[in-house]
Amino acid sequence: MKTTFKDYFTLHFVVLIFGFTAILGQLLSIHTLGLVFFRTFLATSGFYIYFKIKDLDIKIDTKGKCQLLLTGGVIIALHWFTFFYSAKVSTIAISLVGLSTTSLWTSFIEPLWNKKRIQPLQVILGGVAVIGLYLIFLFEFTHIWGLVLSIICAILGAIFSVLNGEFAKKYPPQIITFYEMLGVAISTFVPISYFLISGNTHISIIPQGLDWLWILILAGFCTIYAYSESVNLVRIFSAYTFNLTLNLEPVYGIILAYLIFGEKERMTTGFYIGTLVILGTVLIYPLLSKPQSSL
């Protein structure tokens, strides 16, 4: 499929929205489990209402439904939990730049899944992105736990991006998003129910005050729109190209975080150098891979 300027603009706009989700996660006062549950529950409800208004059929084959629910209930649920929890225990910068290693994991996972040869260019640029990540963390080594969680998040992100590339060949983006969000909501409801029934008062699960506003923005704009659009984009771009562009997420997200939170999210010299390295991989990949058919 031929890519246009609009496709690239949409891709970067979606990445900007993804970077903004970490900020919303910090603004919310509830536990990460509650954050992920209410985000996906409201998103699923929004999609269901939309389908009813448009009189669209959401029925798909049983096998596909189970695959989407399982992908959402396990892989995406853990992906979002580790992402937001990483920011909670460290900083927005830590969670975002750790996530930028997604392209490295995708460079191995995508060809293995499609039974194709791993392209040296993908591995090299993925490795360069890791060097940029290392430079950013050079002065942030005290946040080891946050780093580990964000890298786990990146691996999970690579896995479900490749899976969604396959699902997108069979089902519309909104259908994929609906069932995957439903899977996340179901899987997170189980531990939340336990905490509520047990009367645990040390963990805040239910949103209070402004939490509801942030949750609605997170569910509507950052999930229903952005996630559906991202599923559509993997039809146009390869999973590797998509995830390599996601390396800009820490750039957009940390700049926004600094504008909103000020000194708390001040960027170090290591960040600027590492960011330039990561940005370089994003800009140079389309040029070097132009003769290839993967774009």
Protein backbone atom coordinates (compact mmCIF):
# COMPACT_ATOMS: atom_id res chain seq x y z
CA MET A 1 0.00 0.00 0.00
CA LYS A 2 1.41 3.39 -1.04
CA THR A 3 2.02 5.75 1.88
CA THR A 4 1.11 9.45 1.70
CA PHE A 5 2.02 12.57 3.67
CA LYS A 6 -1.34 12.26 5.44
CA ASP A 7 -0.44 8.73 6.55
CA TYR A 8 2.86 9.89 8.06
CA PHE A 9 1.20 12.91 9.69
CA THR A 10 -1.48 10.68 11.24
CA LEU A 11 1.19 8.26 12.45
CA HIS A 12 3.12 11.01 14.25
CA PHE A 13 -0.07 12.53 15.66
CA VAL A 14 -0.99 9.16 17.16
CA VAL A 15 2.51 8.85 18.64
CA LEU A 16 2.07 12.31 20.18
CA ILE A 17 -1.19 11.16 21.79
CA PHE A 18 0.52 8.02 23.12
CA GLY A 19 3.16 10.24 24.71
CA PHE A 20 0.40 12.27 26.37
CA THR A 21 -1.09 9.17 28.05
CA ALA A 22 1.86 8.98 30.46
CA ILE A 23 1.05 12.52 31.61
CA LEU A 24 -2.58 11.59 32.25
CA GLY A 25 -1.35 8.57 34.19
CA GLN A 26 0.61 10.86 36.50
CA LEU A 27 -2.34 13.20 36.97
CA LEU A 28 -4.57 10.32 38.12
CA SER A 29 -4.46 9.55 41.83
CA ILE A 30 -5.82 6.01 41.61
CA HIS A 31 -3.89 2.72 41.50
CA THR A 32 -2.63 1.54 38.11
CA LEU A 33 -5.11 -1.37 38.11
CA GLY A 34 -8.01 1.05 38.46
CA LEU A 35 -6.53 3.30 35.77
CA VAL A 36 -6.28 0.47 33.22
CA PHE A 37 -9.71 -0.94 34.10
CA PHE A 38 -11.70 2.31 33.89
CA ARG A 39 -9.82 3.37 30.76
CA THR A 40 -10.75 0.19 28.91
CA PHE A 41 -14.22 -0.20 30.44
CA LEU A 42 -15.24 3.31 29.32
CA ALA A 43 -13.57 2.82 25.94
CA THR A 44 -15.40 -0.47 25.40
CA SER A 45 -18.70 1.16 26.41
CA GLY A 46 -18.05 4.05 24.03
CA PHE A 47 -17.39 1.69 21.15
CA TYR A 48 -20.51 -0.33 21.94
CA ILE A 49 -22.70 2.80 21.89
CA TYR A 50 -21.08 3.89 18.62
CA PHE A 51 -21.77 0.52 17.02
CA LYS A 52 -25.41 0.65 18.17
CA ILE A 53 -25.93 4.18 16.82
CA LYS A 54 -24.35 3.27 13.49
CA ASP A 55 -26.19 -0.08 13.50
CA LEU A 56 -22.90 -1.90 12.87
CA ASP A 57 -22.53 -5.63 13.42
CA ILE A 58 -19.78 -6.52 15.91
CA LYS A 59 -20.16 -10.27 15.54
CA ILE A 60 -17.08 -12.14 14.33
CA ASP A 61 -16.10 -15.81 14.26
CA THR A 62 -15.56 -17.47 17.63
CA LYS A 63 -11.88 -18.17 17.00
CA GLY A 64 -11.17 -14.53 16.13
CA LYS A 65 -13.14 -13.31 19.14
CA CYS A 66 -11.15 -15.55 21.49
CA GLN A 67 -7.85 -14.46 19.95
CA LEU A 68 -8.69 -10.76 20.34
CA LEU A 69 -9.99 -11.15 23.90
CA LEU A 70 -6.91 -13.14 24.88
CA THR A 71 -4.55 -10.63 23.26
CA GLY A 72 -6.26 -7.81 25.14
CA GLY A 73 -6.74 -9.67 28.40
CA VAL A 74 -3.12 -10.79 28.69
CA ILE A 75 -0.66 -8.98 26.43
CA ILE A 76 -2.21 -5.49 26.21
CA ALA A 77 -3.35 -5.51 29.86
CA LEU A 78 0.21 -6.27 31.01
CA HIS A 79 1.60 -3.78 28.48
CA TRP A 80 -0.44 -0.90 29.87
CA PHE A 81 0.00 -1.93 33.49
CA THR A 82 3.81 -2.03 33.21
CA PHE A 83 3.81 1.26 31.28
CA PHE A 84 1.79 3.28 33.80
CA TYR A 85 3.32 1.56 36.81
CA SER A 86 6.80 2.32 35.50
CA ALA A 87 5.92 6.02 35.43
CA LYS A 88 4.43 5.78 38.94
CA VAL A 89 7.56 4.25 40.49
CA SER A 90 10.02 6.40 38.53
CA THR A 91 9.31 9.24 36.10
CA ILE A 92 7.51 9.86 32.83
CA ALA A 93 10.89 10.05 31.11
CA ILE A 94 11.89 6.59 32.35
CA SER A 95 8.68 4.92 31.18
CA LEU A 96 8.75 6.60 27.77
CA VAL A 97 12.36 6.08 26.79
CA GLY A 98 12.23 2.46 27.96
CA LEU A 99 9.26 2.00 25.67
CA SER A 100 11.39 3.20 22.75
CA THR A 101 13.19 -0.18 22.68
CA THR A 102 10.02 -1.61 21.10
CA SER A 103 11.57 -1.29 17.63
CA LEU A 104 14.51 -3.44 18.70
CA TRP A 105 12.26 -6.28 19.90
CA THR A 106 10.05 -5.92 16.82
CA SER A 107 13.07 -6.32 14.53
CA PHE A 108 13.39 -9.86 15.86
CA ILE A 109 9.75 -10.77 16.59
CA GLU A 110 8.15 -9.66 13.30
CA PRO A 111 10.37 -11.69 10.91
CA LEU A 112 10.24 -14.71 13.21
CA TRP A 113 6.44 -14.53 13.27
CA ASN A 114 6.23 -14.15 9.48
CA LYS A 115 8.99 -16.74 8.96
CA LYS A 116 11.22 -14.27 7.15
CA ARG A 117 14.90 -13.47 7.40
CA ILE A 118 15.83 -10.83 9.94
CA GLN A 119 16.98 -7.70 8.09
CA PRO A 120 20.40 -6.43 9.25
CA LEU A 121 19.25 -2.82 8.82
CA GLN A 122 16.41 -3.33 11.30
CA VAL A 123 18.72 -4.88 13.86
CA ILE A 124 21.34 -2.16 13.41
CA LEU A 125 18.88 0.71 13.77
CA GLY A 126 17.19 -1.03 16.68
CA GLY A 127 20.61 -1.29 18.30
CA VAL A 128 21.28 2.39 17.64
CA ALA A 129 17.99 3.21 19.37
CA VAL A 130 19.20 1.24 22.39
CA ILE A 131 22.44 3.26 22.41
CA GLY A 132 20.30 6.39 22.54
CA LEU A 133 18.35 4.83 25.39
CA TYR A 134 21.58 4.09 27.24
CA LEU A 135 22.74 7.68 26.87
CA ILE A 136 19.46 8.90 28.31
CA PHE A 137 19.74 6.56 31.27
CA LEU A 138 23.40 7.32 31.89
CA PHE A 139 22.41 9.78 34.58
CA GLU A 140 19.18 8.03 35.59
CA PHE A 141 20.58 4.71 36.83
CA THR A 142 18.79 5.01 40.19
CA HIS A 143 15.48 4.16 38.49
CA ILE A 144 16.33 0.54 37.71
CA TRP A 145 12.86 -0.84 38.62
CA GLY A 146 11.15 1.66 36.36
CA LEU A 147 13.57 0.78 33.55
CA VAL A 148 12.90 -2.96 33.88
CA LEU A 149 9.14 -2.43 33.79
CA SER A 150 9.32 -0.13 30.76
CA ILE A 151 11.45 -2.63 28.82
CA ILE A 152 8.96 -5.42 29.62
CA CYS A 153 6.27 -3.04 28.39
CA ALA A 154 8.23 -2.55 25.15
CA ILE A 155 8.53 -6.29 24.52
CA LEU A 156 4.79 -6.75 25.05
CA GLY A 157 4.12 -3.80 22.75
CA ALA A 158 6.19 -5.40 20.00
CA ILE A 159 4.27 -8.66 20.35
CA PHE A 160 0.77 -7.21 20.13
CA SER A 161 1.75 -4.84 17.29
CA VAL A 162 2.79 -7.84 15.20
CA LEU A 163 -0.40 -9.69 16.18
CA ASN A 164 -2.56 -6.68 15.32
CA GLY A 165 -0.90 -6.56 11.91
CA GLU A 166 -2.30 -10.04 11.32
CA PHE A 167 -5.72 -9.27 12.83
CA ALA A 168 -6.03 -6.13 10.68
CA LYS A 169 -6.02 -8.34 7.56
CA LYS A 170 -9.25 -9.98 8.73
CA TYR A 171 -11.21 -7.48 10.85
CA PRO A 172 -11.97 -3.71 10.88
CA PRO A 173 -9.82 -1.62 13.30
CA GLN A 174 -12.81 -0.68 15.49
CA ILE A 175 -13.79 -4.33 15.93
CA ILE A 176 -10.24 -5.28 16.89
CA THR A 177 -10.06 -2.43 19.39
CA PHE A 178 -13.47 -3.24 20.88
CA TYR A 179 -12.70 -6.86 21.67
CA GLU A 180 -9.15 -6.17 22.83
CA MET A 181 -10.32 -3.40 25.17
CA LEU A 182 -13.06 -5.71 26.43
CA GLY A 183 -10.41 -8.34 27.13
CA VAL A 184 -8.33 -5.84 29.14
CA ALA A 185 -11.39 -4.69 31.11
CA ILE A 186 -12.38 -8.27 31.98
CA SER A 187 -8.88 -9.33 33.06
CA THR A 188 -8.33 -6.25 35.27
CA PHE A 189 -11.81 -6.46 36.81
CA VAL A 190 -10.87 -9.71 38.56
CA PRO A 191 -8.10 -8.30 40.82
CA ILE A 192 -10.06 -5.07 41.32
CA SER A 193 -13.04 -7.07 42.59
CA TYR A 194 -10.75 -8.84 45.04
CA PHE A 195 -9.46 -5.55 46.47
CA LEU A 196 -12.97 -4.10 46.77
CA ILE A 197 -14.45 -7.21 48.39
CA SER A 198 -11.51 -7.61 50.78
CA GLY A 199 -12.02 -4.02 51.96
CA ASN A 200 -8.40 -3.04 51.29
CA THR A 201 -8.24 0.69 52.07
CA HIS A 202 -4.56 1.09 51.21
CA ILE A 203 -5.19 0.90 47.46
CA SER A 204 -7.30 3.60 45.78
CA ILE A 205 -9.25 2.00 42.93
CA ILE A 206 -12.29 4.25 42.33
CA PRO A 207 -11.62 7.63 40.60
CA GLN A 208 -12.33 10.77 42.64
CA GLY A 209 -12.92 14.37 41.53
CA LEU A 210 -10.75 15.35 38.55
CA ASP A 211 -9.77 11.71 38.10
CA TRP A 212 -12.99 11.23 36.15
CA LEU A 213 -12.03 13.98 33.68
CA TRP A 214 -8.57 12.48 33.06
CA ILE A 215 -10.08 9.02 32.71
CA LEU A 216 -12.63 10.25 30.14
CA ILE A 217 -9.88 11.91 28.08
CA LEU A 218 -7.74 8.79 28.38
CA ALA A 219 -10.60 6.53 27.33
CA GLY A 220 -12.08 8.67 24.57
CA PHE A 221 -9.24 10.54 22.89
CA CYS A 222 -6.21 8.42 23.81
CA THR A 223 -7.88 5.02 23.47
CA ILE A 224 -10.95 5.02 21.22
CA TYR A 225 -9.43 7.35 18.64
CA ALA A 226 -5.67 6.77 18.93
CA TYR A 227 -5.74 3.02 19.44
CA SER A 228 -8.20 2.44 16.57
CA GLU A 229 -6.11 4.65 14.32
CA SER A 230 -2.96 2.78 15.27
CA VAL A 231 -4.57 -0.53 14.31
CA ASN A 232 -5.46 1.00 10.95
CA LEU A 233 -1.91 2.30 10.51
CA VAL A 234 -0.36 -1.15 10.80
CA ARG A 235 -2.28 -1.97 7.63
CA ILE A 236 -0.31 0.75 5.88
CA PHE A 237 3.09 0.45 7.57
CA SER A 238 4.99 -2.63 8.67
CA ALA A 239 4.98 -3.28 12.42
CA TYR A 240 8.69 -2.42 12.48
CA THR A 241 8.22 0.95 10.76
CA PHE A 242 5.34 1.76 13.07
CA ASN A 243 7.29 0.86 16.20
CA LEU A 244 10.43 2.64 15.03
CA THR A 245 8.38 5.82 14.74
CA LEU A 246 7.14 5.15 18.27
CA ASN A 247 10.69 6.03 19.32
CA LEU A 248 9.48 9.63 19.07
CA GLU A 249 6.99 8.97 21.86
CA PRO A 250 9.53 9.83 24.59
CA VAL A 251 10.49 12.98 22.72
CA TYR A 252 6.92 14.24 22.45
CA GLY A 253 5.91 12.96 25.87
CA ILE A 254 8.83 14.37 27.85
CA ILE A 255 8.56 17.77 26.17
CA LEU A 256 4.86 17.86 27.09
CA ALA A 257 5.69 16.64 30.60
CA TYR A 258 8.23 19.41 31.07
CA LEU A 259 5.73 22.03 29.87
CA ILE A 260 3.10 20.71 32.29
CA PHE A 261 5.12 19.62 35.34
CA GLY A 262 8.06 22.00 34.99
CA GLU A 263 11.25 21.33 36.95
CA LYS A 264 10.03 17.91 38.07
CA GLU A 265 10.56 16.67 34.53
CA ARG A 266 13.65 18.69 33.62
CA MET A 267 15.63 17.05 30.83
CA THR A 268 19.34 16.30 31.25
CA THR A 269 22.16 16.61 28.72
CA GLY A 270 22.05 12.84 28.35
CA PHE A 271 18.42 13.09 27.32
CA TYR A 272 19.14 15.55 24.51
CA ILE A 273 22.00 13.44 23.15
CA GLY A 274 20.03 10.20 23.42
CA THR A 275 16.99 11.82 21.85
CA LEU A 276 19.02 12.94 18.84
CA VAL A 277 20.28 9.37 18.39
CA ILE A 278 16.74 7.95 18.59
CA LEU A 279 15.36 10.66 16.32
CA GLY A 280 18.11 9.88 13.84
CA THR A 281 16.99 6.24 13.56
CA VAL A 282 13.42 7.37 12.86
CA LEU A 283 14.46 9.82 10.14
CA ILE A 284 17.07 7.67 8.45
CA TYR A 285 15.11 4.41 8.28
CA PRO A 286 12.71 5.43 5.45
CA LEU A 287 15.69 6.67 3.41
CA LEU A 288 17.85 3.57 3.85
CA SER A 289 14.97 1.13 3.40
CA LYS A 290 13.44 2.85 0.36
CA PRO A 291 14.57 0.17 -2.11
CA GLN A 292 13.03 -2.49 0.13
CA SER A 293 9.41 -3.60 -0.04
CA SER A 294 8.78 -3.57 3.72
CA LEU A 295 7.58 0.02 3.92
